[in-house]
N, C-alpha and C. Protein backbone atom coordinates (compact mmCIF):
# COMPACT_ATOMS: atom_id res chain seq x y z
N UNK A 1 33.71 40.75 7.01
CA UNK A 1 33.03 39.68 7.70
C UNK A 1 33.15 38.40 6.87
N UNK A 2 33.49 37.31 7.52
CA UNK A 2 33.64 36.03 6.85
C UNK A 2 32.36 35.22 7.02
N UNK A 3 31.92 34.60 5.92
CA UNK A 3 30.73 33.75 6.00
C UNK A 3 31.10 32.45 6.71
N UNK A 4 30.14 31.84 7.41
CA UNK A 4 30.45 30.63 8.17
C UNK A 4 30.89 29.46 7.30
N UNK A 5 30.54 29.47 6.05
CA UNK A 5 31.01 28.41 5.15
C UNK A 5 30.93 28.95 3.73
N UNK A 6 31.65 28.31 2.87
CA UNK A 6 31.60 28.70 1.46
C UNK A 6 31.36 27.44 0.65
N UNK A 7 30.93 27.65 -0.57
CA UNK A 7 30.58 26.52 -1.42
C UNK A 7 31.17 26.75 -2.81
N UNK A 8 31.87 25.78 -3.30
CA UNK A 8 32.39 25.86 -4.66
C UNK A 8 31.50 25.04 -5.57
N UNK A 9 31.17 25.58 -6.69
CA UNK A 9 30.32 24.87 -7.65
C UNK A 9 31.06 24.75 -8.97
N UNK A 10 30.84 23.64 -9.65
CA UNK A 10 31.33 23.49 -11.01
C UNK A 10 30.37 22.57 -11.74
N UNK A 11 30.26 22.76 -13.01
CA UNK A 11 29.38 21.94 -13.82
C UNK A 11 30.00 20.56 -14.00
N UNK A 12 29.19 19.54 -13.84
CA UNK A 12 29.64 18.17 -14.04
C UNK A 12 28.62 17.48 -14.94
N UNK A 13 29.12 16.82 -15.95
CA UNK A 13 28.22 16.08 -16.83
C UNK A 13 27.90 14.73 -16.20
N UNK A 14 26.67 14.32 -16.29
CA UNK A 14 26.25 13.04 -15.73
C UNK A 14 27.05 11.90 -16.35
N UNK A 15 27.31 11.99 -17.64
CA UNK A 15 28.07 10.94 -18.31
C UNK A 15 29.45 10.76 -17.67
N UNK A 16 30.07 11.87 -17.26
CA UNK A 16 31.38 11.79 -16.62
C UNK A 16 31.30 11.09 -15.27
N UNK A 17 30.24 11.38 -14.52
CA UNK A 17 30.07 10.73 -13.22
C UNK A 17 29.84 9.24 -13.39
N UNK A 18 29.02 8.88 -14.36
CA UNK A 18 28.74 7.47 -14.58
C UNK A 18 30.01 6.76 -15.03
N UNK A 19 30.78 7.36 -15.93
CA UNK A 19 32.00 6.77 -16.43
C UNK A 19 33.02 6.60 -15.30
N UNK A 20 33.02 7.52 -14.34
CA UNK A 20 33.98 7.46 -13.25
C UNK A 20 33.35 6.92 -11.98
N UNK A 21 32.31 6.11 -12.11
CA UNK A 21 31.56 5.59 -10.97
C UNK A 21 32.41 4.93 -9.93
N UNK A 22 33.48 4.22 -10.36
CA UNK A 22 34.32 3.55 -9.39
C UNK A 22 35.10 4.53 -8.53
N UNK A 23 35.17 5.80 -8.94
CA UNK A 23 35.91 6.79 -8.18
C UNK A 23 35.02 7.55 -7.20
N UNK A 24 33.72 7.32 -7.27
CA UNK A 24 32.82 8.02 -6.35
C UNK A 24 33.11 7.57 -4.93
N UNK A 25 32.93 8.45 -3.98
CA UNK A 25 33.23 8.11 -2.59
C UNK A 25 32.22 7.13 -2.02
N UNK A 26 31.04 7.04 -2.63
CA UNK A 26 30.02 6.11 -2.17
C UNK A 26 29.61 5.22 -3.33
N UNK A 27 30.31 4.12 -3.56
CA UNK A 27 30.03 3.30 -4.74
C UNK A 27 28.66 2.64 -4.72
N UNK A 28 27.96 2.67 -3.58
CA UNK A 28 26.63 2.09 -3.55
C UNK A 28 25.57 3.06 -4.04
N UNK A 29 25.98 4.23 -4.50
CA UNK A 29 25.04 5.19 -5.05
C UNK A 29 25.20 5.24 -6.56
N UNK A 30 24.09 5.46 -7.23
CA UNK A 30 24.14 5.64 -8.68
C UNK A 30 23.59 7.01 -9.01
N UNK A 31 23.95 7.49 -10.16
CA UNK A 31 23.44 8.78 -10.62
C UNK A 31 22.53 8.49 -11.79
N UNK A 32 21.33 9.02 -11.73
CA UNK A 32 20.40 8.87 -12.84
C UNK A 32 19.85 10.23 -13.19
N UNK A 33 19.59 10.42 -14.45
CA UNK A 33 19.13 11.71 -14.92
C UNK A 33 17.64 11.87 -14.65
N UNK A 34 17.26 13.07 -14.25
CA UNK A 34 15.84 13.39 -14.13
C UNK A 34 15.62 14.77 -14.70
N UNK A 35 14.45 15.32 -14.56
CA UNK A 35 14.15 16.63 -15.14
C UNK A 35 14.98 17.73 -14.52
N UNK A 36 15.46 17.52 -13.32
CA UNK A 36 16.26 18.55 -12.66
C UNK A 36 17.73 18.45 -12.98
N UNK A 37 18.14 17.50 -13.81
CA UNK A 37 19.53 17.39 -14.19
C UNK A 37 20.26 16.24 -13.55
N UNK A 38 19.78 15.68 -12.48
CA UNK A 38 20.46 14.55 -11.86
C UNK A 38 19.92 14.29 -10.48
N UNK A 39 19.94 13.04 -10.08
CA UNK A 39 19.43 12.66 -8.78
C UNK A 39 20.26 11.49 -8.29
N UNK A 40 20.62 11.50 -7.04
CA UNK A 40 21.39 10.40 -6.47
C UNK A 40 20.45 9.55 -5.63
N UNK A 41 20.48 8.24 -5.87
CA UNK A 41 19.62 7.32 -5.15
C UNK A 41 20.38 6.03 -4.89
N UNK A 42 20.03 5.30 -3.84
CA UNK A 42 20.70 4.02 -3.60
C UNK A 42 20.54 3.10 -4.80
N UNK A 43 21.61 2.40 -5.15
CA UNK A 43 21.62 1.56 -6.35
C UNK A 43 20.58 0.46 -6.27
N UNK A 44 20.46 -0.17 -5.15
CA UNK A 44 19.54 -1.29 -5.02
C UNK A 44 18.46 -1.00 -3.99
N UNK A 45 17.99 0.23 -3.96
CA UNK A 45 16.97 0.61 -2.98
C UNK A 45 15.68 -0.15 -3.26
N UNK A 46 15.29 -1.04 -2.37
CA UNK A 46 14.04 -1.77 -2.60
C UNK A 46 12.85 -0.86 -2.37
N UNK A 47 11.87 -0.97 -3.24
CA UNK A 47 10.64 -0.23 -3.05
C UNK A 47 9.76 -0.94 -2.04
N UNK A 48 8.70 -0.31 -1.61
CA UNK A 48 7.80 -0.98 -0.68
C UNK A 48 7.17 -2.19 -1.36
N UNK A 49 6.94 -3.22 -0.58
CA UNK A 49 6.36 -4.45 -1.11
C UNK A 49 4.84 -4.49 -0.92
N UNK A 50 4.30 -3.51 -0.21
CA UNK A 50 2.86 -3.51 0.05
C UNK A 50 2.37 -2.08 0.26
N UNK A 51 1.16 -1.83 -0.18
CA UNK A 51 0.54 -0.53 0.09
C UNK A 51 0.15 -0.47 1.56
N UNK A 52 -0.13 0.71 2.05
CA UNK A 52 -0.56 0.90 3.44
C UNK A 52 -2.08 0.77 3.49
N UNK A 53 -2.55 -0.16 4.30
CA UNK A 53 -4.00 -0.34 4.48
C UNK A 53 -4.41 -0.19 5.93
N UNK A 54 -3.44 0.10 6.82
CA UNK A 54 -3.77 0.19 8.23
C UNK A 54 -4.73 1.35 8.48
N UNK A 55 -5.50 1.21 9.54
CA UNK A 55 -6.51 2.20 9.86
C UNK A 55 -7.90 1.63 9.66
N UNK A 56 -8.85 2.54 9.50
CA UNK A 56 -10.26 2.15 9.40
C UNK A 56 -10.66 1.87 7.96
N UNK A 57 -11.35 0.74 7.75
CA UNK A 57 -11.90 0.38 6.44
C UNK A 57 -13.41 0.18 6.59
N UNK A 58 -14.17 0.91 5.81
CA UNK A 58 -15.62 0.70 5.74
C UNK A 58 -15.87 -0.13 4.49
N UNK A 59 -16.12 -1.43 4.70
CA UNK A 59 -16.27 -2.36 3.59
C UNK A 59 -17.76 -2.56 3.32
N UNK A 60 -18.22 -2.04 2.18
CA UNK A 60 -19.62 -2.13 1.78
C UNK A 60 -19.76 -3.31 0.83
N UNK A 61 -20.60 -4.28 1.23
CA UNK A 61 -20.76 -5.52 0.47
C UNK A 61 -22.02 -5.49 -0.38
N UNK A 62 -22.00 -6.24 -1.48
CA UNK A 62 -23.13 -6.29 -2.40
C UNK A 62 -24.35 -6.98 -1.79
N UNK A 63 -24.18 -7.73 -0.71
CA UNK A 63 -25.30 -8.40 -0.06
C UNK A 63 -25.95 -7.54 1.03
N UNK A 64 -25.55 -6.27 1.11
CA UNK A 64 -26.17 -5.34 2.04
C UNK A 64 -25.43 -5.13 3.34
N UNK A 65 -24.50 -6.00 3.69
CA UNK A 65 -23.75 -5.85 4.93
C UNK A 65 -22.67 -4.78 4.78
N UNK A 66 -22.38 -4.12 5.87
CA UNK A 66 -21.27 -3.16 5.93
C UNK A 66 -20.37 -3.60 7.08
N UNK A 67 -19.14 -3.96 6.74
CA UNK A 67 -18.17 -4.38 7.74
C UNK A 67 -17.29 -3.20 8.10
N UNK A 68 -17.12 -2.97 9.39
CA UNK A 68 -16.25 -1.92 9.89
C UNK A 68 -15.00 -2.59 10.44
N UNK A 69 -13.88 -2.38 9.75
CA UNK A 69 -12.65 -3.09 10.06
C UNK A 69 -11.57 -2.07 10.45
N UNK A 70 -10.87 -2.35 11.53
CA UNK A 70 -9.73 -1.54 11.94
C UNK A 70 -8.50 -2.42 11.88
N UNK A 71 -7.54 -2.03 11.03
CA UNK A 71 -6.35 -2.85 10.82
C UNK A 71 -5.09 -2.17 11.33
N UNK A 72 -4.16 -3.01 11.76
CA UNK A 72 -2.79 -2.61 12.06
C UNK A 72 -1.93 -3.29 11.01
N UNK A 73 -0.78 -2.72 10.70
CA UNK A 73 0.05 -3.28 9.64
C UNK A 73 1.51 -3.21 10.00
N UNK A 74 2.21 -4.31 9.75
CA UNK A 74 3.66 -4.36 9.88
C UNK A 74 4.18 -5.01 8.61
N UNK A 75 4.66 -4.20 7.67
CA UNK A 75 5.10 -4.73 6.38
C UNK A 75 3.93 -5.30 5.61
N UNK A 76 3.99 -6.60 5.35
CA UNK A 76 2.91 -7.24 4.60
C UNK A 76 1.86 -7.91 5.50
N UNK A 77 2.08 -7.91 6.80
CA UNK A 77 1.15 -8.55 7.74
C UNK A 77 0.13 -7.53 8.26
N UNK A 78 -1.14 -7.94 8.31
CA UNK A 78 -2.19 -7.10 8.90
C UNK A 78 -2.96 -7.90 9.94
N UNK A 79 -3.49 -7.20 10.93
CA UNK A 79 -4.32 -7.80 11.96
C UNK A 79 -5.20 -6.70 12.53
N UNK A 80 -6.28 -7.12 13.16
CA UNK A 80 -7.14 -6.10 13.74
C UNK A 80 -8.46 -6.65 14.24
N UNK A 81 -9.47 -5.77 14.22
CA UNK A 81 -10.81 -6.10 14.71
C UNK A 81 -11.83 -5.70 13.66
N UNK A 82 -13.04 -6.26 13.79
CA UNK A 82 -14.11 -5.95 12.85
C UNK A 82 -15.46 -6.14 13.51
N UNK A 83 -16.46 -5.45 12.95
CA UNK A 83 -17.84 -5.67 13.39
C UNK A 83 -18.79 -5.32 12.25
N UNK A 84 -19.99 -5.88 12.33
CA UNK A 84 -21.08 -5.52 11.41
C UNK A 84 -22.40 -5.81 12.09
N UNK A 85 -23.43 -5.18 11.63
CA UNK A 85 -24.80 -5.39 12.15
C UNK A 85 -24.89 -5.26 13.66
N UNK A 86 -24.13 -4.36 14.23
CA UNK A 86 -24.22 -4.12 15.67
C UNK A 86 -23.36 -5.02 16.52
N UNK A 87 -23.83 -6.27 16.75
CA UNK A 87 -23.12 -7.12 17.71
C UNK A 87 -22.35 -8.27 17.07
N UNK A 88 -22.25 -8.34 15.77
CA UNK A 88 -21.43 -9.38 15.14
C UNK A 88 -20.01 -8.84 15.06
N UNK A 89 -19.09 -9.57 15.72
CA UNK A 89 -17.73 -9.05 15.89
C UNK A 89 -16.67 -10.10 15.55
N UNK A 90 -15.46 -9.59 15.39
CA UNK A 90 -14.28 -10.44 15.31
C UNK A 90 -13.14 -9.65 15.94
N UNK A 91 -12.49 -10.24 16.93
CA UNK A 91 -11.37 -9.58 17.59
C UNK A 91 -10.02 -10.07 17.09
N UNK A 92 -10.03 -10.90 16.03
CA UNK A 92 -8.78 -11.47 15.53
C UNK A 92 -8.78 -11.54 14.00
N UNK A 93 -8.90 -10.39 13.35
CA UNK A 93 -8.77 -10.33 11.90
C UNK A 93 -7.30 -10.56 11.56
N UNK A 94 -7.02 -11.42 10.60
CA UNK A 94 -5.64 -11.66 10.17
C UNK A 94 -5.57 -11.59 8.66
N UNK A 95 -4.39 -11.25 8.15
CA UNK A 95 -4.25 -11.20 6.70
C UNK A 95 -2.90 -10.71 6.25
N UNK A 96 -2.81 -10.50 4.94
CA UNK A 96 -1.59 -10.03 4.31
C UNK A 96 -1.92 -9.01 3.23
N UNK A 97 -0.92 -8.20 2.92
CA UNK A 97 -1.00 -7.29 1.78
C UNK A 97 0.23 -7.57 0.94
N UNK A 98 0.02 -7.96 -0.30
CA UNK A 98 1.12 -8.19 -1.22
C UNK A 98 0.91 -7.27 -2.41
N UNK A 99 1.82 -6.34 -2.58
CA UNK A 99 1.63 -5.33 -3.62
C UNK A 99 0.42 -4.47 -3.26
N UNK A 100 -0.58 -4.49 -4.12
CA UNK A 100 -1.81 -3.73 -3.88
C UNK A 100 -2.98 -4.64 -3.49
N UNK A 101 -2.70 -5.91 -3.25
CA UNK A 101 -3.77 -6.86 -2.95
C UNK A 101 -3.84 -7.21 -1.47
N UNK A 102 -5.02 -6.98 -0.90
CA UNK A 102 -5.30 -7.30 0.50
C UNK A 102 -6.04 -8.63 0.57
N UNK A 103 -5.59 -9.52 1.43
CA UNK A 103 -6.29 -10.79 1.71
C UNK A 103 -6.42 -10.89 3.21
N UNK A 104 -7.64 -11.10 3.68
CA UNK A 104 -7.83 -11.23 5.13
C UNK A 104 -8.94 -12.20 5.46
N UNK A 105 -8.83 -12.76 6.65
CA UNK A 105 -9.83 -13.68 7.17
C UNK A 105 -10.46 -13.05 8.39
N UNK A 106 -11.80 -13.04 8.40
CA UNK A 106 -12.54 -12.50 9.54
C UNK A 106 -13.43 -13.61 10.08
N UNK A 107 -13.07 -14.12 11.26
CA UNK A 107 -13.85 -15.18 11.91
C UNK A 107 -14.90 -14.51 12.80
N UNK A 108 -16.09 -14.30 12.24
CA UNK A 108 -17.17 -13.60 12.96
C UNK A 108 -17.69 -14.46 14.11
N UNK A 109 -18.16 -13.80 15.16
CA UNK A 109 -18.67 -14.52 16.33
C UNK A 109 -20.06 -15.13 16.12
N UNK A 110 -20.61 -15.02 14.92
CA UNK A 110 -21.90 -15.66 14.61
C UNK A 110 -21.71 -16.99 13.90
N UNK A 111 -20.46 -17.48 13.84
CA UNK A 111 -20.19 -18.79 13.25
C UNK A 111 -19.81 -18.74 11.78
N UNK A 112 -19.74 -17.58 11.17
CA UNK A 112 -19.28 -17.49 9.79
C UNK A 112 -17.81 -17.08 9.77
N UNK A 113 -17.17 -17.37 8.65
CA UNK A 113 -15.75 -17.07 8.52
C UNK A 113 -15.53 -16.44 7.15
N UNK A 114 -15.43 -15.11 7.12
CA UNK A 114 -15.31 -14.39 5.86
C UNK A 114 -13.90 -14.37 5.33
N UNK A 115 -13.76 -14.74 4.08
CA UNK A 115 -12.49 -14.66 3.36
C UNK A 115 -12.62 -13.47 2.41
N UNK A 116 -11.80 -12.45 2.61
CA UNK A 116 -11.86 -11.22 1.81
C UNK A 116 -10.58 -11.11 0.99
N UNK A 117 -10.74 -10.97 -0.31
CA UNK A 117 -9.59 -10.81 -1.20
C UNK A 117 -9.87 -9.66 -2.15
N UNK A 118 -8.99 -8.66 -2.12
CA UNK A 118 -9.18 -7.54 -3.04
C UNK A 118 -8.66 -7.91 -4.42
N UNK A 119 -8.99 -7.10 -5.38
CA UNK A 119 -8.45 -7.29 -6.72
C UNK A 119 -6.93 -7.12 -6.66
N UNK A 120 -6.26 -7.59 -7.67
CA UNK A 120 -4.80 -7.56 -7.71
C UNK A 120 -4.25 -6.14 -7.65
N UNK A 121 -4.99 -5.19 -8.25
CA UNK A 121 -4.55 -3.80 -8.28
C UNK A 121 -5.68 -2.89 -7.86
N UNK A 122 -5.32 -1.74 -7.30
CA UNK A 122 -6.31 -0.71 -6.99
C UNK A 122 -6.95 -0.24 -8.29
N UNK A 123 -8.16 0.28 -8.19
CA UNK A 123 -8.89 0.72 -9.38
C UNK A 123 -9.17 2.21 -9.31
N UNK A 124 -9.35 2.81 -10.48
CA UNK A 124 -9.73 4.22 -10.53
C UNK A 124 -11.13 4.36 -9.98
N UNK A 125 -11.39 5.47 -9.32
CA UNK A 125 -12.71 5.74 -8.77
C UNK A 125 -13.11 7.18 -9.05
N UNK A 126 -14.34 7.54 -8.69
CA UNK A 126 -14.83 8.88 -9.00
C UNK A 126 -14.07 9.99 -8.27
N UNK A 127 -13.42 9.68 -7.16
CA UNK A 127 -12.73 10.72 -6.39
C UNK A 127 -11.23 10.47 -6.27
N UNK A 128 -10.69 9.59 -7.12
CA UNK A 128 -9.26 9.33 -7.05
C UNK A 128 -8.51 10.28 -7.97
N UNK A 129 -7.28 10.59 -7.60
CA UNK A 129 -6.42 11.41 -8.43
C UNK A 129 -5.24 10.56 -8.87
N UNK A 130 -4.34 11.14 -9.62
CA UNK A 130 -3.17 10.42 -10.10
C UNK A 130 -2.42 9.79 -8.92
N UNK A 131 -2.13 8.52 -9.02
CA UNK A 131 -1.40 7.83 -7.97
C UNK A 131 -2.27 7.24 -6.88
N UNK A 132 -3.59 7.39 -7.01
CA UNK A 132 -4.51 6.86 -6.01
C UNK A 132 -5.45 5.83 -6.63
N UNK A 133 -6.05 5.02 -5.79
CA UNK A 133 -7.03 4.05 -6.26
C UNK A 133 -7.95 3.63 -5.14
N UNK A 134 -9.03 3.00 -5.53
CA UNK A 134 -9.96 2.45 -4.54
C UNK A 134 -9.80 0.93 -4.54
N UNK A 135 -10.23 0.33 -3.43
CA UNK A 135 -10.07 -1.10 -3.28
C UNK A 135 -11.42 -1.80 -3.41
N UNK A 136 -11.46 -2.79 -4.29
CA UNK A 136 -12.65 -3.63 -4.49
C UNK A 136 -12.21 -5.09 -4.43
N UNK A 137 -13.16 -5.96 -4.11
CA UNK A 137 -12.81 -7.37 -4.07
C UNK A 137 -14.00 -8.28 -3.95
N UNK A 138 -13.71 -9.50 -3.57
CA UNK A 138 -14.72 -10.55 -3.41
C UNK A 138 -14.58 -11.16 -2.03
N UNK A 139 -15.69 -11.64 -1.52
CA UNK A 139 -15.68 -12.33 -0.24
C UNK A 139 -16.59 -13.55 -0.31
N UNK A 140 -16.29 -14.52 0.52
CA UNK A 140 -17.17 -15.68 0.66
C UNK A 140 -17.02 -16.21 2.07
N UNK A 141 -18.00 -16.99 2.48
CA UNK A 141 -17.96 -17.63 3.79
C UNK A 141 -17.22 -18.96 3.63
N UNK A 142 -16.10 -19.09 4.30
CA UNK A 142 -15.29 -20.30 4.18
C UNK A 142 -16.07 -21.56 4.57
N UNK A 143 -17.01 -21.43 5.50
CA UNK A 143 -17.80 -22.58 5.95
C UNK A 143 -18.99 -22.86 5.04
N UNK A 144 -19.36 -21.88 4.24
CA UNK A 144 -20.47 -22.00 3.27
C UNK A 144 -20.02 -21.32 1.98
N UNK A 145 -19.16 -21.95 1.18
CA UNK A 145 -18.53 -21.30 0.03
C UNK A 145 -19.49 -20.78 -1.03
N UNK A 146 -20.73 -21.24 -1.01
CA UNK A 146 -21.71 -20.73 -1.99
C UNK A 146 -22.24 -19.34 -1.60
N UNK A 147 -21.98 -18.90 -0.38
CA UNK A 147 -22.39 -17.58 0.08
C UNK A 147 -21.27 -16.60 -0.29
N UNK A 148 -21.54 -15.78 -1.32
CA UNK A 148 -20.52 -14.89 -1.88
C UNK A 148 -21.05 -13.48 -2.05
N UNK A 149 -20.14 -12.53 -2.08
CA UNK A 149 -20.50 -11.13 -2.33
C UNK A 149 -19.28 -10.40 -2.87
N UNK A 150 -19.52 -9.28 -3.52
CA UNK A 150 -18.42 -8.38 -3.88
C UNK A 150 -18.39 -7.28 -2.83
N UNK A 151 -17.29 -6.55 -2.76
CA UNK A 151 -17.18 -5.48 -1.78
C UNK A 151 -16.31 -4.35 -2.30
N UNK A 152 -16.44 -3.21 -1.63
CA UNK A 152 -15.66 -2.02 -1.95
C UNK A 152 -15.44 -1.23 -0.67
N UNK A 153 -14.22 -0.71 -0.51
CA UNK A 153 -13.93 0.15 0.63
C UNK A 153 -14.44 1.55 0.30
N UNK A 154 -15.33 2.07 1.14
CA UNK A 154 -15.88 3.41 0.95
C UNK A 154 -15.16 4.41 1.85
N UNK A 155 -15.25 5.67 1.49
CA UNK A 155 -14.72 6.78 2.29
C UNK A 155 -13.21 6.76 2.46
N UNK A 156 -12.50 6.10 1.54
CA UNK A 156 -11.05 6.08 1.64
C UNK A 156 -10.44 5.76 0.28
N UNK A 157 -9.34 6.43 -0.03
CA UNK A 157 -8.56 6.08 -1.22
C UNK A 157 -7.19 5.63 -0.74
N UNK A 158 -6.50 4.87 -1.58
CA UNK A 158 -5.20 4.32 -1.24
C UNK A 158 -4.16 4.83 -2.24
N UNK A 159 -2.93 4.93 -1.77
CA UNK A 159 -1.83 5.32 -2.65
C UNK A 159 -1.33 4.10 -3.38
N UNK A 160 -1.27 4.21 -4.69
CA UNK A 160 -0.80 3.08 -5.51
C UNK A 160 0.66 2.77 -5.18
N UNK A 161 1.02 1.50 -5.31
CA UNK A 161 2.35 1.04 -4.95
C UNK A 161 3.44 1.77 -5.72
N UNK A 162 3.21 2.05 -6.99
CA UNK A 162 4.25 2.72 -7.78
C UNK A 162 4.37 4.21 -7.48
N UNK A 163 3.57 4.71 -6.52
CA UNK A 163 3.67 6.11 -6.10
C UNK A 163 4.10 6.25 -4.64
N UNK A 164 4.57 5.17 -4.06
CA UNK A 164 5.00 5.21 -2.66
C UNK A 164 6.49 5.45 -2.58
């Protein structure tokens, strides 16, 4: 009985592949050593430019308010809806995510305009594991800049950018 395919194997040193890189059939690939002996990856593979924040965010503020935000995300752009205290709403949350930093504007229907900016990087938390972090930041009312609070996203952890 003949097997449907056969495979020939031979040992190849990574140094030889690197030295003969111009002879590889796919010159846009590089070989780099890892614990398994070698890994092929695109030479200029760009990493993600932003963490994923889409979905539900329960933002607990130091002034006692809890904002419930639902975000959609396309690359670095975010948009969505928000509410707090029952009937205070915003149907046009807008913002960006650059790296691990979220910045968004929430124009509440009570006449305030919240500017939310997370810290530059995610932070370790009591329930985070390697590669995860929690999001904390500051907010202020754009129309009343002296009204400020800190905030933290509860009930959710985020994957750090260098682990995506």
